[in-house]
């Protein structure tokens, strides 16, 4: 999710990873929280009209889901 300033800078870190400064990485622990984050980002998108498309988007969205799983049963047996 971009901050309200809208100023984004693409940078490369010391490990060669490309990152965008000015973005946040919100965490959703449930499906509902993830959907809320998605819709928040969609609401922040810019839409403007031009000659060929009245609802042209003037921004892009990258929505990435990282899944972390844990065993429900922890046992001392191997």
PDB file of N, CA and C in Angstrom:
ATOM      1  N   UNK A   1       0.865  -1.165   0.000  1.00  0.00           N
ATOM      2  CA  UNK A   1       0.000   0.000   0.000  1.00  0.00           C
ATOM      3  C   UNK A   1       0.908   1.223   0.000  1.00  0.00           C
ATOM      4  N   UNK A   2       0.671   2.125  -0.928  1.00  0.00           N
ATOM      5  CA  UNK A   2       1.479   3.342  -1.008  1.00  0.00           C
ATOM      6  C   UNK A   2       1.059   4.326   0.063  1.00  0.00           C
ATOM      7  N   UNK A   3       2.042   5.089   0.558  1.00  0.00           N
ATOM      8  CA  UNK A   3       1.687   6.121   1.529  1.00  0.00           C
ATOM      9  C   UNK A   3       0.950   7.257   0.817  1.00  0.00           C
ATOM     10  N   UNK A   4       0.413   8.181   1.566  1.00  0.00           N
ATOM     11  CA  UNK A   4      -0.433   9.233   0.999  1.00  0.00           C
ATOM     12  C   UNK A   4       0.323  10.211   0.109  1.00  0.00           C
ATOM     13  N   UNK A   5       1.641  10.329   0.259  1.00  0.00           N
ATOM     14  CA  UNK A   5       2.399  11.279  -0.557  1.00  0.00           C
ATOM     15  C   UNK A   5       2.449  10.842  -2.011  1.00  0.00           C
ATOM     16  N   UNK A   6       2.378   9.527  -2.242  1.00  0.00           N
ATOM     17  CA  UNK A   6       2.436   9.024  -3.606  1.00  0.00           C
ATOM     18  C   UNK A   6       3.840   8.986  -4.182  1.00  0.00           C
ATOM     19  N   UNK A   7       4.834   9.429  -3.406  1.00  0.00           N
ATOM     20  CA  UNK A   7       6.213   9.430  -3.881  1.00  0.00           C
ATOM     21  C   UNK A   7       6.824   8.047  -3.691  1.00  0.00           C
ATOM     22  N   UNK A   8       7.127   7.384  -4.801  1.00  0.00           N
ATOM     23  CA  UNK A   8       7.709   6.047  -4.758  1.00  0.00           C
ATOM     24  C   UNK A   8       9.061   6.079  -5.451  1.00  0.00           C
ATOM     25  N   UNK A   9      10.030   5.402  -4.880  1.00  0.00           N
ATOM     26  CA  UNK A   9      11.365   5.342  -5.447  1.00  0.00           C
ATOM     27  C   UNK A   9      11.783   3.884  -5.542  1.00  0.00           C
ATOM     28  N   UNK A  10      12.237   3.473  -6.717  1.00  0.00           N
ATOM     29  CA  UNK A  10      12.715   2.108  -6.913  1.00  0.00           C
ATOM     30  C   UNK A  10      14.205   2.083  -6.593  1.00  0.00           C
ATOM     31  N   UNK A  11      14.595   1.165  -5.704  1.00  0.00           N
ATOM     32  CA  UNK A  11      15.995   1.065  -5.279  1.00  0.00           C
ATOM     33  C   UNK A  11      16.437  -0.396  -5.291  1.00  0.00           C
ATOM     34  N   UNK A  12      17.744  -0.582  -5.349  1.00  0.00           N
ATOM     35  CA  UNK A  12      18.323  -1.919  -5.239  1.00  0.00           C
ATOM     36  C   UNK A  12      19.111  -1.974  -3.936  1.00  0.00           C
ATOM     37  N   UNK A  13      18.836  -2.992  -3.112  1.00  0.00           N
ATOM     38  CA  UNK A  13      19.548  -3.095  -1.837  1.00  0.00           C
ATOM     39  C   UNK A  13      20.901  -3.782  -2.037  1.00  0.00           C
ATOM     40  N   UNK A  14      21.664  -3.931  -0.951  1.00  0.00           N
ATOM     41  CA  UNK A  14      23.021  -4.482  -1.044  1.00  0.00           C
ATOM     42  C   UNK A  14      23.050  -5.930  -1.525  1.00  0.00           C
ATOM     43  N   UNK A  15      21.939  -6.643  -1.390  1.00  0.00           N
ATOM     44  CA  UNK A  15      21.869  -8.037  -1.855  1.00  0.00           C
ATOM     45  C   UNK A  15      21.370  -8.147  -3.296  1.00  0.00           C
ATOM     46  N   UNK A  16      21.088  -7.007  -3.928  1.00  0.00           N
ATOM     47  CA  UNK A  16      20.609  -7.022  -5.305  1.00  0.00           C
ATOM     48  C   UNK A  16      19.106  -7.139  -5.436  1.00  0.00           C
ATOM     49  N   UNK A  17      18.377  -7.053  -4.318  1.00  0.00           N
ATOM     50  CA  UNK A  17      16.916  -7.113  -4.356  1.00  0.00           C
ATOM     51  C   UNK A  17      16.348  -5.755  -4.737  1.00  0.00           C
ATOM     52  N   UNK A  18      15.365  -5.757  -5.608  1.00  0.00           N
ATOM     53  CA  UNK A  18      14.699  -4.524  -6.009  1.00  0.00           C
ATOM     54  C   UNK A  18      13.562  -4.256  -5.039  1.00  0.00           C
ATOM     55  N   UNK A  19      13.498  -3.034  -4.527  1.00  0.00           N
ATOM     56  CA  UNK A  19      12.449  -2.642  -3.595  1.00  0.00           C
ATOM     57  C   UNK A  19      11.879  -1.299  -4.014  1.00  0.00           C
ATOM     58  N   UNK A  20      10.686  -1.007  -3.533  1.00  0.00           N
ATOM     59  CA  UNK A  20      10.056   0.280  -3.794  1.00  0.00           C
ATOM     60  C   UNK A  20       9.892   0.997  -2.464  1.00  0.00           C
ATOM     61  N   UNK A  21      10.602   2.117  -2.305  1.00  0.00           N
ATOM     62  CA  UNK A  21      10.464   2.932  -1.092  1.00  0.00           C
ATOM     63  C   UNK A  21       9.152   3.693  -1.175  1.00  0.00           C
ATOM     64  N   UNK A  22       8.493   3.809  -0.034  1.00  0.00           N
ATOM     65  CA  UNK A  22       7.209   4.505   0.004  1.00  0.00           C
ATOM     66  C   UNK A  22       6.038   3.544   0.039  1.00  0.00           C
ATOM     67  N   UNK A  23       6.337   2.238   0.033  1.00  0.00           N
ATOM     68  CA  UNK A  23       5.286   1.232   0.135  1.00  0.00           C
ATOM     69  C   UNK A  23       5.327   0.594   1.509  1.00  0.00           C
ATOM     70  N   UNK A  24       4.183   0.127   1.948  1.00  0.00           N
ATOM     71  CA  UNK A  24       4.134  -0.637   3.190  1.00  0.00           C
ATOM     72  C   UNK A  24       3.760  -2.071   2.856  1.00  0.00           C
ATOM     73  N   UNK A  25       4.032  -2.962   3.773  1.00  0.00           N
ATOM     74  CA  UNK A  25       3.672  -4.363   3.604  1.00  0.00           C
ATOM     75  C   UNK A  25       2.763  -4.752   4.760  1.00  0.00           C
ATOM     76  N   UNK A  26       1.468  -4.494   4.612  1.00  0.00           N
ATOM     77  CA  UNK A  26       0.546  -4.840   5.697  1.00  0.00           C
ATOM     78  C   UNK A  26       0.406  -6.351   5.827  1.00  0.00           C
ATOM     79  N   UNK A  27       0.113  -6.800   7.037  1.00  0.00           N
ATOM     80  CA  UNK A  27      -0.032  -8.228   7.313  1.00  0.00           C
ATOM     81  C   UNK A  27      -1.480  -8.511   7.665  1.00  0.00           C
ATOM     82  N   UNK A  28      -2.052  -9.490   6.995  1.00  0.00           N
ATOM     83  CA  UNK A  28      -3.410  -9.931   7.300  1.00  0.00           C
ATOM     84  C   UNK A  28      -3.366 -11.359   7.797  1.00  0.00           C
ATOM     85  N   UNK A  29      -3.902 -11.588   8.964  1.00  0.00           N
ATOM     86  CA  UNK A  29      -3.868 -12.925   9.537  1.00  0.00           C
ATOM     87  C   UNK A  29      -5.042 -13.793   9.145  1.00  0.00           C
ATOM     88  N   UNK A  30      -6.059 -13.173   8.537  1.00  0.00           N
ATOM     89  CA  UNK A  30      -7.246 -13.917   8.127  1.00  0.00           C
ATOM     90  C   UNK A  30      -7.611 -13.549   6.695  1.00  0.00           C
ATOM     91  N   UNK A  31      -8.493 -14.334   6.110  1.00  0.00           N
ATOM     92  CA  UNK A  31      -8.978 -14.034   4.761  1.00  0.00           C
ATOM     93  C   UNK A  31      -9.636 -12.659   4.723  1.00  0.00           C
ATOM     94  N   UNK A  32     -10.421 -12.340   5.737  1.00  0.00           N
ATOM     95  CA  UNK A  32     -11.114 -11.051   5.780  1.00  0.00           C
ATOM     96  C   UNK A  32     -10.122  -9.890   5.834  1.00  0.00           C
ATOM     97  N   UNK A  33      -9.064 -10.038   6.644  1.00  0.00           N
ATOM     98  CA  UNK A  33      -8.055  -8.981   6.733  1.00  0.00           C
ATOM     99  C   UNK A  33      -7.322  -8.811   5.402  1.00  0.00           C
ATOM    100  N   UNK A  34      -7.013  -9.914   4.734  1.00  0.00           N
ATOM    101  CA  UNK A  34      -6.342  -9.844   3.435  1.00  0.00           C
ATOM    102  C   UNK A  34      -7.225  -9.145   2.408  1.00  0.00           C
ATOM    103  N   UNK A  35      -8.509  -9.456   2.401  1.00  0.00           N
ATOM    104  CA  UNK A  35      -9.429  -8.788   1.473  1.00  0.00           C
ATOM    105  C   UNK A  35      -9.534  -7.302   1.775  1.00  0.00           C
ATOM    106  N   UNK A  36      -9.552  -6.939   3.046  1.00  0.00           N
ATOM    107  CA  UNK A  36      -9.601  -5.525   3.425  1.00  0.00           C
ATOM    108  C   UNK A  36      -8.368  -4.793   2.896  1.00  0.00           C
ATOM    109  N   UNK A  37      -7.196  -5.399   3.032  1.00  0.00           N
ATOM    110  CA  UNK A  37      -5.957  -4.802   2.528  1.00  0.00           C
ATOM    111  C   UNK A  37      -6.023  -4.659   1.012  1.00  0.00           C
ATOM    112  N   UNK A  38      -6.509  -5.695   0.333  1.00  0.00           N
ATOM    113  CA  UNK A  38      -6.634  -5.649  -1.125  1.00  0.00           C
ATOM    114  C   UNK A  38      -7.545  -4.504  -1.558  1.00  0.00           C
ATOM    115  N   UNK A  39      -8.713  -4.394  -0.936  1.00  0.00           N
ATOM    116  CA  UNK A  39      -9.661  -3.344  -1.313  1.00  0.00           C
ATOM    117  C   UNK A  39      -9.135  -1.959  -0.957  1.00  0.00           C
ATOM    118  N   UNK A  40      -8.370  -1.847   0.118  1.00  0.00           N
ATOM    119  CA  UNK A  40      -7.759  -0.569   0.473  1.00  0.00           C
ATOM    120  C   UNK A  40      -6.804  -0.131  -0.638  1.00  0.00           C
ATOM    121  N   UNK A  41      -5.986  -1.048  -1.119  1.00  0.00           N
ATOM    122  CA  UNK A  41      -5.074  -0.740  -2.214  1.00  0.00           C
ATOM    123  C   UNK A  41      -5.813  -0.398  -3.490  1.00  0.00           C
ATOM    124  N   UNK A  42      -6.881  -1.128  -3.789  1.00  0.00           N
ATOM    125  CA  UNK A  42      -7.667  -0.866  -4.997  1.00  0.00           C
ATOM    126  C   UNK A  42      -8.320   0.511  -4.932  1.00  0.00           C
ATOM    127  N   UNK A  43      -8.766   0.912  -3.755  1.00  0.00           N
ATOM    128  CA  UNK A  43      -9.392   2.224  -3.575  1.00  0.00           C
ATOM    129  C   UNK A  43      -8.391   3.346  -3.825  1.00  0.00           C
ATOM    130  N   UNK A  44      -7.130   3.122  -3.524  1.00  0.00           N
ATOM    131  CA  UNK A  44      -6.104   4.150  -3.692  1.00  0.00           C
ATOM    132  C   UNK A  44      -5.634   4.308  -5.133  1.00  0.00           C
ATOM    133  N   UNK A  45      -6.077   3.443  -6.034  1.00  0.00           N
ATOM    134  CA  UNK A  45      -5.634   3.521  -7.428  1.00  0.00           C
ATOM    135  C   UNK A  45      -6.182   4.771  -8.098  1.00  0.00           C
ATOM    136  N   UNK A  46      -5.461   5.268  -9.089  1.00  0.00           N
ATOM    137  CA  UNK A  46      -5.883   6.451  -9.830  1.00  0.00           C
ATOM    138  C   UNK A  46      -6.502   6.020 -11.154  1.00  0.00           C
ATOM    139  N   UNK A  47      -7.660   6.577 -11.448  1.00  0.00           N
ATOM    140  CA  UNK A  47      -8.350   6.303 -12.709  1.00  0.00           C
ATOM    141  C   UNK A  47      -8.586   7.638 -13.390  1.00  0.00           C
ATOM    142  N   UNK A  48      -8.281   7.715 -14.679  1.00  0.00           N
ATOM    143  CA  UNK A  48      -8.498   8.949 -15.431  1.00  0.00           C
ATOM    144  C   UNK A  48      -8.954   8.593 -16.835  1.00  0.00           C
ATOM    145  N   UNK A  49      -9.686   9.475 -17.414  1.00  0.00           N
ATOM    146  CA  UNK A  49     -10.258   9.267 -18.743  1.00  0.00           C
ATOM    147  C   UNK A  49      -9.283   9.747 -19.815  1.00  0.00           C
ATOM    148  N   UNK A  50      -9.253   9.024 -20.940  1.00  0.00           N
ATOM    149  CA  UNK A  50      -8.569   9.531 -22.126  1.00  0.00           C
ATOM    150  C   UNK A  50      -9.388   9.144 -23.342  1.00  0.00           C
ATOM    151  N   UNK A  51      -8.960   9.557 -24.521  1.00  0.00           N
ATOM    152  CA  UNK A  51      -9.779   9.435 -25.730  1.00  0.00           C
ATOM    153  C   UNK A  51     -10.215   8.009 -26.029  1.00  0.00           C
ATOM    154  N   UNK A  52      -9.400   7.018 -25.744  1.00  0.00           N
ATOM    155  CA  UNK A  52      -9.722   5.640 -26.094  1.00  0.00           C
ATOM    156  C   UNK A  52     -10.344   4.835 -24.959  1.00  0.00           C
ATOM    157  N   UNK A  53     -10.269   5.343 -23.742  1.00  0.00           N
ATOM    158  CA  UNK A  53     -10.763   4.565 -22.608  1.00  0.00           C
ATOM    159  C   UNK A  53     -11.197   5.505 -21.494  1.00  0.00           C
ATOM    160  N   UNK A  54     -12.500   5.510 -21.208  1.00  0.00           N
ATOM    161  CA  UNK A  54     -13.038   6.439 -20.208  1.00  0.00           C
ATOM    162  C   UNK A  54     -12.690   6.051 -18.779  1.00  0.00           C
ATOM    163  N   UNK A  55     -12.350   4.798 -18.542  1.00  0.00           N
ATOM    164  CA  UNK A  55     -12.020   4.362 -17.186  1.00  0.00           C
ATOM    165  C   UNK A  55     -10.613   3.813 -17.084  1.00  0.00           C
ATOM    166  N   UNK A  56      -9.683   4.418 -17.810  1.00  0.00           N
ATOM    167  CA  UNK A  56      -8.316   3.913 -17.843  1.00  0.00           C
ATOM    168  C   UNK A  56      -7.642   4.060 -16.480  1.00  0.00           C
ATOM    169  N   UNK A  57      -6.988   3.004 -16.050  1.00  0.00           N
ATOM    170  CA  UNK A  57      -6.256   3.091 -14.791  1.00  0.00           C
ATOM    171  C   UNK A  57      -4.929   3.784 -15.042  1.00  0.00           C
ATOM    172  N   UNK A  58      -4.552   4.645 -14.134  1.00  0.00           N
ATOM    173  CA  UNK A  58      -3.303   5.383 -14.246  1.00  0.00           C
ATOM    174  C   UNK A  58      -2.282   4.854 -13.245  1.00  0.00           C
ATOM    175  N   UNK A  59      -2.552   3.700 -12.695  1.00  0.00           N
ATOM    176  CA  UNK A  59      -1.627   3.093 -11.742  1.00  0.00           C
ATOM    177  C   UNK A  59      -1.731   1.580 -11.850  1.00  0.00           C
ATOM    178  N   UNK A  60      -0.841   0.898 -11.191  1.00  0.00           N
ATOM    179  CA  UNK A  60      -0.805  -0.560 -11.233  1.00  0.00           C
ATOM    180  C   UNK A  60      -0.851  -1.122  -9.822  1.00  0.00           C
ATOM    181  N   UNK A  61      -1.225  -2.382  -9.721  1.00  0.00           N
ATOM    182  CA  UNK A  61      -1.322  -3.040  -8.421  1.00  0.00           C
ATOM    183  C   UNK A  61      -0.510  -4.325  -8.456  1.00  0.00           C
ATOM    184  N   UNK A  62       0.264  -4.542  -7.410  1.00  0.00           N
ATOM    185  CA  UNK A  62       0.909  -5.830  -7.181  1.00  0.00           C
ATOM    186  C   UNK A  62       0.416  -6.297  -5.822  1.00  0.00           C
ATOM    187  N   UNK A  63      -0.310  -7.395  -5.814  1.00  0.00           N
ATOM    188  CA  UNK A  63      -0.846  -7.944  -4.564  1.00  0.00           C
ATOM    189  C   UNK A  63      -0.192  -9.297  -4.370  1.00  0.00           C
ATOM    190  N   UNK A  64       0.665  -9.403  -3.386  1.00  0.00           N
ATOM    191  CA  UNK A  64       1.423 -10.622  -3.140  1.00  0.00           C
ATOM    192  C   UNK A  64       0.973 -11.242  -1.832  1.00  0.00           C
ATOM    193  N   UNK A  65       0.753 -12.525  -1.857  1.00  0.00           N
ATOM    194  CA  UNK A  65       0.358 -13.245  -0.646  1.00  0.00           C
ATOM    195  C   UNK A  65       1.489 -14.192  -0.270  1.00  0.00           C
ATOM    196  N   UNK A  66       1.993 -14.033   0.940  1.00  0.00           N
ATOM    197  CA  UNK A  66       2.978 -14.950   1.498  1.00  0.00           C
ATOM    198  C   UNK A  66       2.235 -15.835   2.485  1.00  0.00           C
ATOM    199  N   UNK A  67       2.357 -17.134   2.323  1.00  0.00           N
ATOM    200  CA  UNK A  67       1.650 -18.076   3.192  1.00  0.00           C
ATOM    201  C   UNK A  67       2.653 -18.716   4.139  1.00  0.00           C
ATOM    202  N   UNK A  68       2.329 -18.667   5.410  1.00  0.00           N
ATOM    203  CA  UNK A  68       3.148 -19.309   6.431  1.00  0.00           C
ATOM    204  C   UNK A  68       2.295 -20.384   7.073  1.00  0.00           C
ATOM    205  N   UNK A  69       2.816 -21.591   7.144  1.00  0.00           N
ATOM    206  CA  UNK A  69       2.037 -22.665   7.756  1.00  0.00           C
ATOM    207  C   UNK A  69       2.808 -23.255   8.926  1.00  0.00           C
ATOM    208  N   UNK A  70       2.048 -23.753   9.866  1.00  0.00           N
ATOM    209  CA  UNK A  70       2.616 -24.400  11.050  1.00  0.00           C
ATOM    210  C   UNK A  70       1.866 -25.691  11.282  1.00  0.00           C
ATOM    211  N   UNK A  71       2.559 -26.637  11.879  1.00  0.00           N
ATOM    212  CA  UNK A  71       1.919 -27.896  12.215  1.00  0.00           C
ATOM    213  C   UNK A  71       0.912 -27.662  13.330  1.00  0.00           C
ATOM    214  N   UNK A  72      -0.260 -28.235  13.188  1.00  0.00           N
ATOM    215  CA  UNK A  72      -1.273 -28.105  14.239  1.00  0.00           C
ATOM    216  C   UNK A  72      -0.958 -29.003  15.427  1.00  0.00           C
ATOM    217  N   UNK A  73      -0.229 -30.081  15.164  1.00  0.00           N
ATOM    218  CA  UNK A  73       0.098 -31.035  16.220  1.00  0.00           C
ATOM    219  C   UNK A  73       1.602 -31.006  16.436  1.00  0.00           C
ATOM    220  N   UNK A  74       1.989 -30.708  17.644  1.00  0.00           N
ATOM    221  CA  UNK A  74       3.406 -30.754  17.975  1.00  0.00           C
ATOM    222  C   UNK A  74       3.628 -31.955  18.874  1.00  0.00           C
ATOM    223  N   UNK A  75       4.543 -32.809  18.467  1.00  0.00           N
ATOM    224  CA  UNK A  75       4.790 -34.037  19.208  1.00  0.00           C
ATOM    225  C   UNK A  75       6.277 -34.176  19.479  1.00  0.00           C
ATOM    226  N   UNK A  76       6.610 -34.813  20.602  1.00  0.00           N
ATOM    227  CA  UNK A  76       8.017 -35.068  20.898  1.00  0.00           C
ATOM    228  C   UNK A  76       8.491 -36.347  20.215  1.00  0.00           C
ATOM    229  N   UNK A  77       7.554 -37.133  19.664  1.00  0.00           N
ATOM    230  CA  UNK A  77       7.915 -38.366  18.955  1.00  0.00           C
ATOM    231  C   UNK A  77       8.455 -38.028  17.586  1.00  0.00           C
ATOM    232  N   UNK A  78       9.419 -38.853  17.127  1.00  0.00           N
ATOM    233  CA  UNK A  78       9.976 -38.636  15.794  1.00  0.00           C
ATOM    234  C   UNK A  78       9.762 -39.834  14.933  1.00  0.00           C
TER     235      UNK A  78
END
